[in-house]
Amino acid sequence: MTDYVSVDQAKKMRGGINIKTTVKRLGEKRTVTLKSGEPKDVCDHILADDSGEIKLTLWGDDISKVKEGDVVEIINGYTKEFRGEISISSGKYGEMKVNPVD
């Protein structure tokens, strides 16, 4: 069985984060230019639980997989601070499930 942390706990961690929470609000998709020069779509949705809110950063095809009100489970995720705000992502070594069946 997976041990999940709250949003507030996740904000204090860097990696190895397991969280299961609800998408409170969808962000606007935008296109950024990577260091390689390649354009890539990115979006920050808001996840929330009783302890607070955190940005969920999604890239490319993952953006359209999530809808407002969905339950998102991230296994082995990580947080990153950018412009003073903490966001969570499944990254390269983690996994994200939308509306997982227990």
Foldseek 3Di string as FASTA:
>chain_A
DDDADFPVVQQVFFWQHKHKFFFAFWFDWDWDQDPVRDIWIKTWTWTHDPVGIATEIDTDPVSVVDDHGKIKIKGTWGWDADPRGIHIYNPDPIDMDINDDD
